[in-house]
Structures are given as structure tokens and as C-alpha cells.
Amino acid sequence: MSGMTTRPDRGGDPPSRPADPTLPHQAGAREREVGVPPAPASGSAPPAAGPAAPPAGSAAPATGDAARTPEVPAADADPAAAAERTPDRAQYGVCAFLALVGGLVILEATTRIGEAINTADPVGPKAVPILLGVLLLIVAVIYAVDVARGGSGEPEAGEDVDLASPIDWRTVLLLVGAFLVNAVLIDRLGWVISGTILFWGSAYALGNRHYVRNLLISVALSLITFYTFAIGLGVDLPAGVLQGIL
């Protein structure tokens, strides 16, 4: 009869059953039939790597001259880093200048500035310049200590600044000339006129070419500072040729 299986008790071969992959002996038999090599047993150690293969992630050992060449420290190889450790002795000149200005301000306040005109004022006109002089001396000392310890300021790194450009001596000389003219004329012409020349000359030296506007602003600044010192601090700046008018 077709389509019917033969029972074992009636003779004939038993029907074949599919191998169960969950049973070890049946899975091995199935692999041998197909020709797949058996998988290694769980828990077995992987084969050891050959002696010539370096460990994963490690660099190959250096050979020849590379192994005998000593490494140069980064601080010694970089001349800029070595220069930073050397104190910039030119900064001591700035410290000396600040100390000199502070000493002159204190000397001027204690010798030439008179007592307060208003007896109800407990501070007087000497307090502010003396305070400024003391602060300048403190800044000079702190600056000198920082320079001695190797401190240095970082160079300007603006995108519109050329660090390799030379010094603009014309601008420097014009500014120095404006201050010298103010120092020479302040007693003869008075602060209002000499201060106007100082402010106008400084704006011209720095590149401002609005002559009339700068003149008006300079006169206004001179008058404001003149009356601020006279009324607010009790210090009379030289009036010069404008004595009796101001």
C-alpha cells in the first residue's frame, strides 16, 4: 500500500527521524554527515599565539639606533618654553617707572597741596593723590615679584594685529610731544589751554582727523577737569592767562 509506513513488528526498516540539534550525540552525527568540523568544546582555552606576534594594542619593540636614542624633554626642545622660564628683565623698568610715579605723586601731595579750605571736610585734598601714590607703589612691588618668579604677559593675538610689525615711532613721538607741550605751557597759559592742546594732540597722534570736533571735545574735557578739581577736590589748577575769567 502506497503512502503507509511499515511498522517494526511487521518487518522492514524503521522510518528515519530528523535529528534533534539539542541532543549532543545527534548534533555531532548530523555534522559528520554534512562534513562540518565539530565546534570546540566550551571552556577550552584558545590556541596560544605564536612567539613572533606582539600583543594586541602594544607597539613593536624598537631596534637599532632608535632604541639607543634618548628622548629629549619637551621643555628643552621648545625654545619658547625655555624663554618663558627666563625673567624678562626689561619689565623691571616698568616696575621702576610705576614706583617713581607713585613716589612723585605722594611727594607732590605732601609738599605742594595745601590744607582743605573747608574746615568741615575731614579728608582734605591730599587724601586722593596720596592714596593713588600708595596704590602705584603696591602695584610696582607686586609686578616686580611676579617678574622675578618668571611671570610674563601673553602677546596680543588679535586677528587684526600684526605682531611682526615694527614700532610706530611717529605715534609715540607725537604723544610724547603733546605731554611735553602741556608740561611747559600749563603754568603760563593755564590748564584749560594746555589741557586742550594735550587732548587734541593725543587724538591727532592716534589718527583721528576730525579737527573741529576734537577741538570742541578737548575744550570741554579741560573745563570739566578744571572745575572738578577746583570744586570737588579743592585743588586749584593753574588758570594762566584766563585768571579772573574762569
C-alpha atoms as a PDB file:
ATOM      1  CA  MET A   1       0.000   0.000   0.000  1.00  0.00           C
ATOM      2  CA  SER A   2       1.482   3.338  -1.007  1.00  0.00           C
ATOM      3  CA  GLY A   3       1.821   6.214   1.464  1.00  0.00           C
ATOM      4  CA  MET A   4       1.839   3.893   4.518  1.00  0.00           C
ATOM      5  CA  THR A   5       4.831   3.341   6.811  1.00  0.00           C
ATOM      6  CA  THR A   6       5.946  -0.140   7.791  1.00  0.00           C
ATOM      7  CA  ARG A   7       5.723  -0.978  11.484  1.00  0.00           C
ATOM      8  CA  PRO A   8       8.720  -2.655  13.111  1.00  0.00           C
ATOM      9  CA  ASP A   9       6.727  -5.719  14.188  1.00  0.00           C
ATOM     10  CA  ARG A  10       5.682  -6.376  10.627  1.00  0.00           C
ATOM     11  CA  GLY A  11       9.189  -6.404   9.255  1.00  0.00           C
ATOM     12  CA  GLY A  12      11.174  -3.853   7.243  1.00  0.00           C
ATOM     13  CA  ASP A  13      13.376  -0.939   8.320  1.00  0.00           C
ATOM     14  CA  PRO A  14      12.070   1.583  10.821  1.00  0.00           C
ATOM     15  CA  PRO A  15      11.278   5.060   9.445  1.00  0.00           C
ATOM     16  CA  SER A  16      14.017   7.680   9.678  1.00  0.00           C
ATOM     17  CA  ARG A  17      13.501  10.501  12.129  1.00  0.00           C
ATOM     18  CA  PRO A  18      15.023  14.000  11.846  1.00  0.00           C
ATOM     19  CA  ALA A  19      17.999  14.636  14.117  1.00  0.00           C
ATOM     20  CA  ASP A  20      17.339  16.787  17.156  1.00  0.00           C
ATOM     21  CA  PRO A  21      20.012  19.502  17.277  1.00  0.00           C
ATOM     22  CA  THR A  22      19.517  19.886  21.015  1.00  0.00           C
ATOM     23  CA  LEU A  23      20.951  16.408  21.668  1.00  0.00           C
ATOM     24  CA  PRO A  24      24.769  16.347  21.567  1.00  0.00           C
ATOM     25  CA  HIS A  25      25.190  12.917  20.020  1.00  0.00           C
ATOM     26  CA  GLN A  26      22.612  13.618  17.334  1.00  0.00           C
ATOM     27  CA  ALA A  27      24.106  17.059  16.546  1.00  0.00           C
ATOM     28  CA  GLY A  28      27.576  15.510  16.150  1.00  0.00           C
ATOM     29  CA  ALA A  29      26.257  12.834  13.866  1.00  0.00           C
ATOM     30  CA  ARG A  30      24.486  15.383  11.755  1.00  0.00           C
ATOM     31  CA  GLU A  31      27.656  17.469  11.391  1.00  0.00           C
ATOM     32  CA  ARG A  32      29.691  14.433  10.385  1.00  0.00           C
ATOM     33  CA  GLU A  33      27.158  13.623   7.698  1.00  0.00           C
ATOM     34  CA  VAL A  34      27.252  17.156   6.282  1.00  0.00           C
ATOM     35  CA  GLY A  35      31.028  17.467   6.588  1.00  0.00           C
ATOM     36  CA  VAL A  36      31.164  20.442   9.048  1.00  0.00           C
ATOM     37  CA  PRO A  37      34.053  20.200  11.515  1.00  0.00           C
ATOM     38  CA  PRO A  38      32.961  19.954  15.129  1.00  0.00           C
ATOM     39  CA  ALA A  39      32.925  23.140  17.213  1.00  0.00           C
ATOM     40  CA  PRO A  40      35.430  23.329  20.069  1.00  0.00           C
ATOM     41  CA  ALA A  41      34.125  22.371  23.433  1.00  0.00           C
ATOM     42  CA  SER A  42      33.031  25.209  25.716  1.00  0.00           C
ATOM     43  CA  GLY A  43      35.546  26.227  28.374  1.00  0.00           C
ATOM     44  CA  SER A  44      38.586  25.164  26.374  1.00  0.00           C
ATOM     45  CA  ALA A  45      41.453  27.643  26.141  1.00  0.00           C
ATOM     46  CA  PRO A  46      42.081  29.318  22.756  1.00  0.00           C
ATOM     47  CA  PRO A  47      45.272  28.367  20.981  1.00  0.00           C
ATOM     48  CA  ALA A  48      48.293  30.306  22.132  1.00  0.00           C
ATOM     49  CA  ALA A  49      49.614  32.979  19.789  1.00  0.00           C
ATOM     50  CA  GLY A  50      52.964  32.457  18.185  1.00  0.00           C
ATOM     51  CA  PRO A  51      56.034  33.980  19.810  1.00  0.00           C
ATOM     52  CA  ALA A  52      56.556  36.394  16.902  1.00  0.00           C
ATOM     53  CA  ALA A  53      53.146  38.075  17.229  1.00  0.00           C
ATOM     54  CA  PRO A  54      53.144  41.053  19.660  1.00  0.00           C
ATOM     55  CA  PRO A  55      50.189  41.551  21.991  1.00  0.00           C
ATOM     56  CA  ALA A  56      47.241  43.447  20.627  1.00  0.00           C
ATOM     57  CA  GLY A  57      47.499  47.224  21.153  1.00  0.00           C
ATOM     58  CA  SER A  58      51.238  47.179  22.005  1.00  0.00           C
ATOM     59  CA  ALA A  59      53.918  48.831  19.911  1.00  0.00           C
ATOM     60  CA  ALA A  60      56.690  46.805  18.373  1.00  0.00           C
ATOM     61  CA  PRO A  61      59.994  46.976  20.295  1.00  0.00           C
ATOM     62  CA  ALA A  62      62.471  49.498  18.927  1.00  0.00           C
ATOM     63  CA  THR A  63      65.608  48.128  17.404  1.00  0.00           C
ATOM     64  CA  GLY A  64      68.928  49.583  16.275  1.00  0.00           C
ATOM     65  CA  ASP A  65      69.747  53.262  16.802  1.00  0.00           C
ATOM     66  CA  ALA A  66      66.144  54.134  17.662  1.00  0.00           C
ATOM     67  CA  ALA A  67      66.358  52.058  20.833  1.00  0.00           C
ATOM     68  CA  ARG A  68      69.568  53.822  21.946  1.00  0.00           C
ATOM     69  CA  THR A  69      68.424  57.411  21.210  1.00  0.00           C
ATOM     70  CA  PRO A  70      67.403  59.180  24.447  1.00  0.00           C
ATOM     71  CA  GLU A  71      64.181  61.145  24.477  1.00  0.00           C
ATOM     72  CA  VAL A  72      64.563  64.926  24.579  1.00  0.00           C
ATOM     73  CA  PRO A  73      62.263  66.670  27.105  1.00  0.00           C
ATOM     74  CA  ALA A  74      59.640  68.864  25.511  1.00  0.00           C
ATOM     75  CA  ALA A  75      60.601  71.881  27.633  1.00  0.00           C
ATOM     76  CA  ASP A  76      64.236  71.727  26.422  1.00  0.00           C
ATOM     77  CA  ALA A  77      63.284  71.085  22.806  1.00  0.00           C
ATOM     78  CA  ASP A  78      60.961  74.101  22.681  1.00  0.00           C
ATOM     79  CA  PRO A  79      62.960  77.362  22.830  1.00  0.00           C
ATOM     80  CA  ALA A  80      59.791  79.355  23.511  1.00  0.00           C
ATOM     81  CA  ALA A  81      59.135  77.374  26.693  1.00  0.00           C
ATOM     82  CA  ALA A  82      62.726  77.906  27.813  1.00  0.00           C
ATOM     83  CA  ALA A  83      62.385  81.646  27.167  1.00  0.00           C
ATOM     84  CA  GLU A  84      59.242  81.796  29.294  1.00  0.00           C
ATOM     85  CA  ARG A  85      61.178  80.475  32.298  1.00  0.00           C
ATOM     86  CA  THR A  86      63.742  83.279  31.963  1.00  0.00           C
ATOM     87  CA  PRO A  87      62.610  86.505  33.679  1.00  0.00           C
ATOM     88  CA  ASP A  88      62.082  89.416  31.313  1.00  0.00           C
ATOM     89  CA  ARG A  89      64.432  91.962  32.863  1.00  0.00           C
ATOM     90  CA  ALA A  90      63.016  94.750  30.714  1.00  0.00           C
ATOM     91  CA  GLN A  91      59.836  94.569  32.823  1.00  0.00           C
ATOM     92  CA  TYR A  92      61.816  95.791  35.813  1.00  0.00           C
ATOM     93  CA  GLY A  93      61.962  99.157  34.056  1.00  0.00           C
ATOM     94  CA  VAL A  94      58.157  99.302  34.104  1.00  0.00           C
ATOM     95  CA  CYS A  95      58.192  98.441  37.809  1.00  0.00           C
ATOM     96  CA  ALA A  96      60.709 101.215  38.478  1.00  0.00           C
ATOM     97  CA  PHE A  97      58.621 103.695  36.470  1.00  0.00           C
ATOM     98  CA  LEU A  98      55.464 102.861  38.451  1.00  0.00           C
ATOM     99  CA  ALA A  99      57.348 103.203  41.730  1.00  0.00           C
ATOM    100  CA  LEU A 100      58.812 106.548  40.606  1.00  0.00           C
ATOM    101  CA  VAL A 101      55.433 107.942  39.608  1.00  0.00           C
ATOM    102  CA  GLY A 102      53.912 106.779  42.888  1.00  0.00           C
ATOM    103  CA  GLY A 103      56.685 108.413  44.884  1.00  0.00           C
ATOM    104  CA  LEU A 104      56.337 111.688  42.952  1.00  0.00           C
ATOM    105  CA  VAL A 105      52.576 111.751  43.469  1.00  0.00           C
ATOM    106  CA  ILE A 106      52.977 111.247  47.217  1.00  0.00           C
ATOM    107  CA  LEU A 107      55.719 113.912  47.388  1.00  0.00           C
ATOM    108  CA  GLU A 108      53.604 116.377  45.431  1.00  0.00           C
ATOM    109  CA  ALA A 109      50.589 115.739  47.651  1.00  0.00           C
ATOM    110  CA  THR A 110      52.504 116.215  50.901  1.00  0.00           C
ATOM    111  CA  THR A 111      54.544 119.272  49.923  1.00  0.00           C
ATOM    112  CA  ARG A 112      52.605 121.383  47.419  1.00  0.00           C
ATOM    113  CA  ILE A 113      48.935 120.717  48.055  1.00  0.00           C
ATOM    114  CA  GLY A 114      47.588 122.929  50.826  1.00  0.00           C
ATOM    115  CA  GLU A 115      45.149 122.073  53.561  1.00  0.00           C
ATOM    116  CA  ALA A 116      41.431 121.944  52.991  1.00  0.00           C
ATOM    117  CA  ILE A 117      39.775 125.301  52.684  1.00  0.00           C
ATOM    118  CA  ASN A 118      36.588 123.986  54.217  1.00  0.00           C
ATOM    119  CA  THR A 119      37.285 123.081  57.848  1.00  0.00           C
ATOM    120  CA  ALA A 120      34.239 120.802  57.865  1.00  0.00           C
ATOM    121  CA  ASP A 121      35.973 118.499  55.367  1.00  0.00           C
ATOM    122  CA  PRO A 122      37.829 115.834  57.417  1.00  0.00           C
ATOM    123  CA  VAL A 123      39.576 114.333  54.384  1.00  0.00           C
ATOM    124  CA  GLY A 124      41.006 117.257  52.506  1.00  0.00           C
ATOM    125  CA  PRO A 125      42.548 117.379  49.022  1.00  0.00           C
ATOM    126  CA  LYS A 126      45.641 115.357  49.964  1.00  0.00           C
ATOM    127  CA  ALA A 127      43.876 112.046  50.532  1.00  0.00           C
ATOM    128  CA  VAL A 128      43.190 111.106  46.902  1.00  0.00           C
ATOM    129  CA  PRO A 129      46.698 111.713  45.481  1.00  0.00           C
ATOM    130  CA  ILE A 130      48.322 110.015  48.477  1.00  0.00           C
ATOM    131  CA  LEU A 131      46.041 107.002  48.004  1.00  0.00           C
ATOM    132  CA  LEU A 132      46.885 106.861  44.293  1.00  0.00           C
ATOM    133  CA  GLY A 133      50.614 107.062  45.053  1.00  0.00           C
ATOM    134  CA  VAL A 134      50.418 104.243  47.585  1.00  0.00           C
ATOM    135  CA  LEU A 135      48.465 102.069  45.133  1.00  0.00           C
ATOM    136  CA  LEU A 136      51.098 102.705  42.448  1.00  0.00           C
ATOM    137  CA  LEU A 137      53.852 101.613  44.841  1.00  0.00           C
ATOM    138  CA  ILE A 138      51.941  98.433  45.752  1.00  0.00           C
ATOM    139  CA  VAL A 139      51.375  97.597  42.086  1.00  0.00           C
ATOM    140  CA  ALA A 140      55.082  98.150  41.351  1.00  0.00           C
ATOM    141  CA  VAL A 141      56.125  95.767  44.149  1.00  0.00           C
ATOM    142  CA  ILE A 142      53.636  93.053  43.099  1.00  0.00           C
ATOM    143  CA  TYR A 143      54.694  93.423  39.474  1.00  0.00           C
ATOM    144  CA  ALA A 144      58.389  93.097  40.378  1.00  0.00           C
ATOM    145  CA  VAL A 145      57.745  89.938  42.410  1.00  0.00           C
ATOM    146  CA  ASP A 146      55.778  88.420  39.525  1.00  0.00           C
ATOM    147  CA  VAL A 147      58.574  89.198  37.048  1.00  0.00           C
ATOM    148  CA  ALA A 148      61.189  87.703  39.400  1.00  0.00           C
ATOM    149  CA  ARG A 149      59.159  84.478  39.559  1.00  0.00           C
ATOM    150  CA  GLY A 150      59.133  84.190  35.776  1.00  0.00           C
ATOM    151  CA  GLY A 151      55.732  85.654  35.041  1.00  0.00           C
ATOM    152  CA  SER A 152      55.208  87.230  31.644  1.00  0.00           C
ATOM    153  CA  GLY A 153      52.215  88.576  29.797  1.00  0.00           C
ATOM    154  CA  GLU A 154      50.810  86.799  26.767  1.00  0.00           C
ATOM    155  CA  PRO A 155      51.362  88.581  23.449  1.00  0.00           C
ATOM    156  CA  GLU A 156      48.496  90.235  21.669  1.00  0.00           C
ATOM    157  CA  ALA A 157      46.732  87.696  19.483  1.00  0.00           C
ATOM    158  CA  GLY A 158      44.062  89.792  17.784  1.00  0.00           C
ATOM    159  CA  GLU A 159      43.201  88.888  14.223  1.00  0.00           C
ATOM    160  CA  ASP A 160      43.749  92.491  13.078  1.00  0.00           C
ATOM    161  CA  VAL A 161      47.114  92.916  14.855  1.00  0.00           C
ATOM    162  CA  ASP A 162      50.370  92.193  13.061  1.00  0.00           C
ATOM    163  CA  LEU A 163      52.776  91.010  15.753  1.00  0.00           C
ATOM    164  CA  ALA A 164      55.713  91.273  13.370  1.00  0.00           C
ATOM    165  CA  SER A 165      55.134  94.949  12.516  1.00  0.00           C
ATOM    166  CA  PRO A 166      57.740  97.446  13.799  1.00  0.00           C
ATOM    167  CA  ILE A 167      57.070 100.082  16.444  1.00  0.00           C
ATOM    168  CA  ASP A 168      55.184 103.131  15.210  1.00  0.00           C
ATOM    169  CA  TRP A 169      57.714 105.689  16.423  1.00  0.00           C
ATOM    170  CA  ARG A 170      55.811 108.572  14.811  1.00  0.00           C
ATOM    171  CA  THR A 171      52.786 107.987  17.029  1.00  0.00           C
ATOM    172  CA  VAL A 172      54.974 107.556  20.101  1.00  0.00           C
ATOM    173  CA  LEU A 173      56.892 110.774  19.455  1.00  0.00           C
ATOM    174  CA  LEU A 174      53.697 112.746  18.815  1.00  0.00           C
ATOM    175  CA  LEU A 175      52.211 111.580  22.120  1.00  0.00           C
ATOM    176  CA  VAL A 176      55.414 112.424  23.990  1.00  0.00           C
ATOM    177  CA  GLY A 177      55.443 115.850  22.334  1.00  0.00           C
ATOM    178  CA  ALA A 178      51.845 116.543  23.400  1.00  0.00           C
ATOM    179  CA  PHE A 179      52.685 115.732  27.030  1.00  0.00           C
ATOM    180  CA  LEU A 180      55.842 117.878  26.941  1.00  0.00           C
ATOM    181  CA  VAL A 181      53.971 120.847  25.494  1.00  0.00           C
ATOM    182  CA  ASN A 182      51.360 120.506  28.237  1.00  0.00           C
ATOM    183  CA  ALA A 183      54.062 120.393  30.929  1.00  0.00           C
ATOM    184  CA  VAL A 184      55.785 123.512  29.570  1.00  0.00           C
ATOM    185  CA  LEU A 185      52.668 125.638  28.992  1.00  0.00           C
ATOM    186  CA  ILE A 186      50.488 124.670  31.967  1.00  0.00           C
ATOM    187  CA  ASP A 187      51.886 127.402  34.252  1.00  0.00           C
ATOM    188  CA  ARG A 188      51.981 130.109  31.577  1.00  0.00           C
ATOM    189  CA  LEU A 189      48.765 129.538  29.674  1.00  0.00           C
ATOM    190  CA  GLY A 190      46.819 127.610  32.308  1.00  0.00           C
ATOM    191  CA  TRP A 191      45.371 124.127  32.401  1.00  0.00           C
ATOM    192  CA  VAL A 192      42.395 124.861  30.197  1.00  0.00           C
ATOM    193  CA  ILE A 193      44.568 125.867  27.248  1.00  0.00           C
ATOM    194  CA  SER A 194      47.407 123.386  27.834  1.00  0.00           C
ATOM    195  CA  GLY A 195      44.916 120.590  28.537  1.00  0.00           C
ATOM    196  CA  THR A 196      43.114 121.377  25.294  1.00  0.00           C
ATOM    197  CA  ILE A 197      46.407 121.095  23.433  1.00  0.00           C
ATOM    198  CA  LEU A 198      47.137 117.806  25.231  1.00  0.00           C
ATOM    199  CA  PHE A 199      43.786 116.205  24.399  1.00  0.00           C
ATOM    200  CA  TRP A 200      43.710 117.491  20.825  1.00  0.00           C
ATOM    201  CA  GLY A 201      47.320 116.456  20.169  1.00  0.00           C
ATOM    202  CA  SER A 202      46.735 112.972  21.599  1.00  0.00           C
ATOM    203  CA  ALA A 203      43.718 112.434  19.341  1.00  0.00           C
ATOM    204  CA  TYR A 204      45.740 113.618  16.338  1.00  0.00           C
ATOM    205  CA  ALA A 205      48.653 111.313  17.214  1.00  0.00           C
ATOM    206  CA  LEU A 206      46.293 108.337  17.426  1.00  0.00           C
ATOM    207  CA  GLY A 207      44.962 109.006  13.923  1.00  0.00           C
ATOM    208  CA  ASN A 208      41.779 111.000  14.471  1.00  0.00           C
ATOM    209  CA  ARG A 209      41.442 113.697  11.807  1.00  0.00           C
ATOM    210  CA  HIS A 210      38.167 115.362  12.893  1.00  0.00           C
ATOM    211  CA  TYR A 211      39.914 118.595  13.828  1.00  0.00           C
ATOM    212  CA  VAL A 212      36.962 120.809  14.756  1.00  0.00           C
ATOM    213  CA  ARG A 213      35.094 118.112  16.674  1.00  0.00           C
ATOM    214  CA  ASN A 214      38.241 117.106  18.524  1.00  0.00           C
ATOM    215  CA  LEU A 215      38.881 120.753  19.456  1.00  0.00           C
ATOM    216  CA  LEU A 216      35.403 121.134  20.947  1.00  0.00           C
ATOM    217  CA  ILE A 217      35.726 117.871  22.892  1.00  0.00           C
ATOM    218  CA  SER A 218      39.185 118.892  24.155  1.00  0.00           C
ATOM    219  CA  VAL A 219      37.935 122.248  25.431  1.00  0.00           C
ATOM    220  CA  ALA A 220      35.006 120.543  27.172  1.00  0.00           C
ATOM    221  CA  LEU A 221      37.277 117.973  28.852  1.00  0.00           C
ATOM    222  CA  SER A 222      39.660 120.689  30.028  1.00  0.00           C
ATOM    223  CA  LEU A 223      36.868 122.754  31.569  1.00  0.00           C
ATOM    224  CA  ILE A 224      35.293 119.692  33.217  1.00  0.00           C
ATOM    225  CA  THR A 225      38.581 118.590  34.802  1.00  0.00           C
ATOM    226  CA  PHE A 226      39.382 122.171  35.877  1.00  0.00           C
ATOM    227  CA  TYR A 227      36.127 122.643  37.788  1.00  0.00           C
ATOM    228  CA  THR A 228      36.122 119.060  39.072  1.00  0.00           C
ATOM    229  CA  PHE A 229      39.464 119.615  40.801  1.00  0.00           C
ATOM    230  CA  ALA A 230      38.530 123.108  41.982  1.00  0.00           C
ATOM    231  CA  ILE A 231      35.060 122.346  43.332  1.00  0.00           C
ATOM    232  CA  GLY A 232      35.143 118.636  44.059  1.00  0.00           C
ATOM    233  CA  LEU A 233      38.682 118.249  45.483  1.00  0.00           C
ATOM    234  CA  GLY A 234      39.550 121.787  46.471  1.00  0.00           C
ATOM    235  CA  VAL A 235      42.631 121.788  44.209  1.00  0.00           C
ATOM    236  CA  ASP A 236      43.075 124.866  42.027  1.00  0.00           C
ATOM    237  CA  LEU A 237      44.680 124.020  38.716  1.00  0.00           C
ATOM    238  CA  PRO A 238      46.665 126.834  37.078  1.00  0.00           C
ATOM    239  CA  ALA A 239      44.369 129.278  35.322  1.00  0.00           C
ATOM    240  CA  GLY A 240      47.168 131.117  33.456  1.00  0.00           C
ATOM    241  CA  VAL A 241      46.018 133.823  31.077  1.00  0.00           C
ATOM    242  CA  LEU A 242      42.417 133.004  31.918  1.00  0.00           C
ATOM    243  CA  GLN A 243      42.829 134.054  35.562  1.00  0.00           C
ATOM    244  CA  GLY A 244      39.759 136.027  36.596  1.00  0.00           C
ATOM    245  CA  ILE A 245      37.685 134.637  33.742  1.00  0.00           C
ATOM    246  CA  LEU A 246      37.261 131.065  34.956  1.00  0.00           C
END
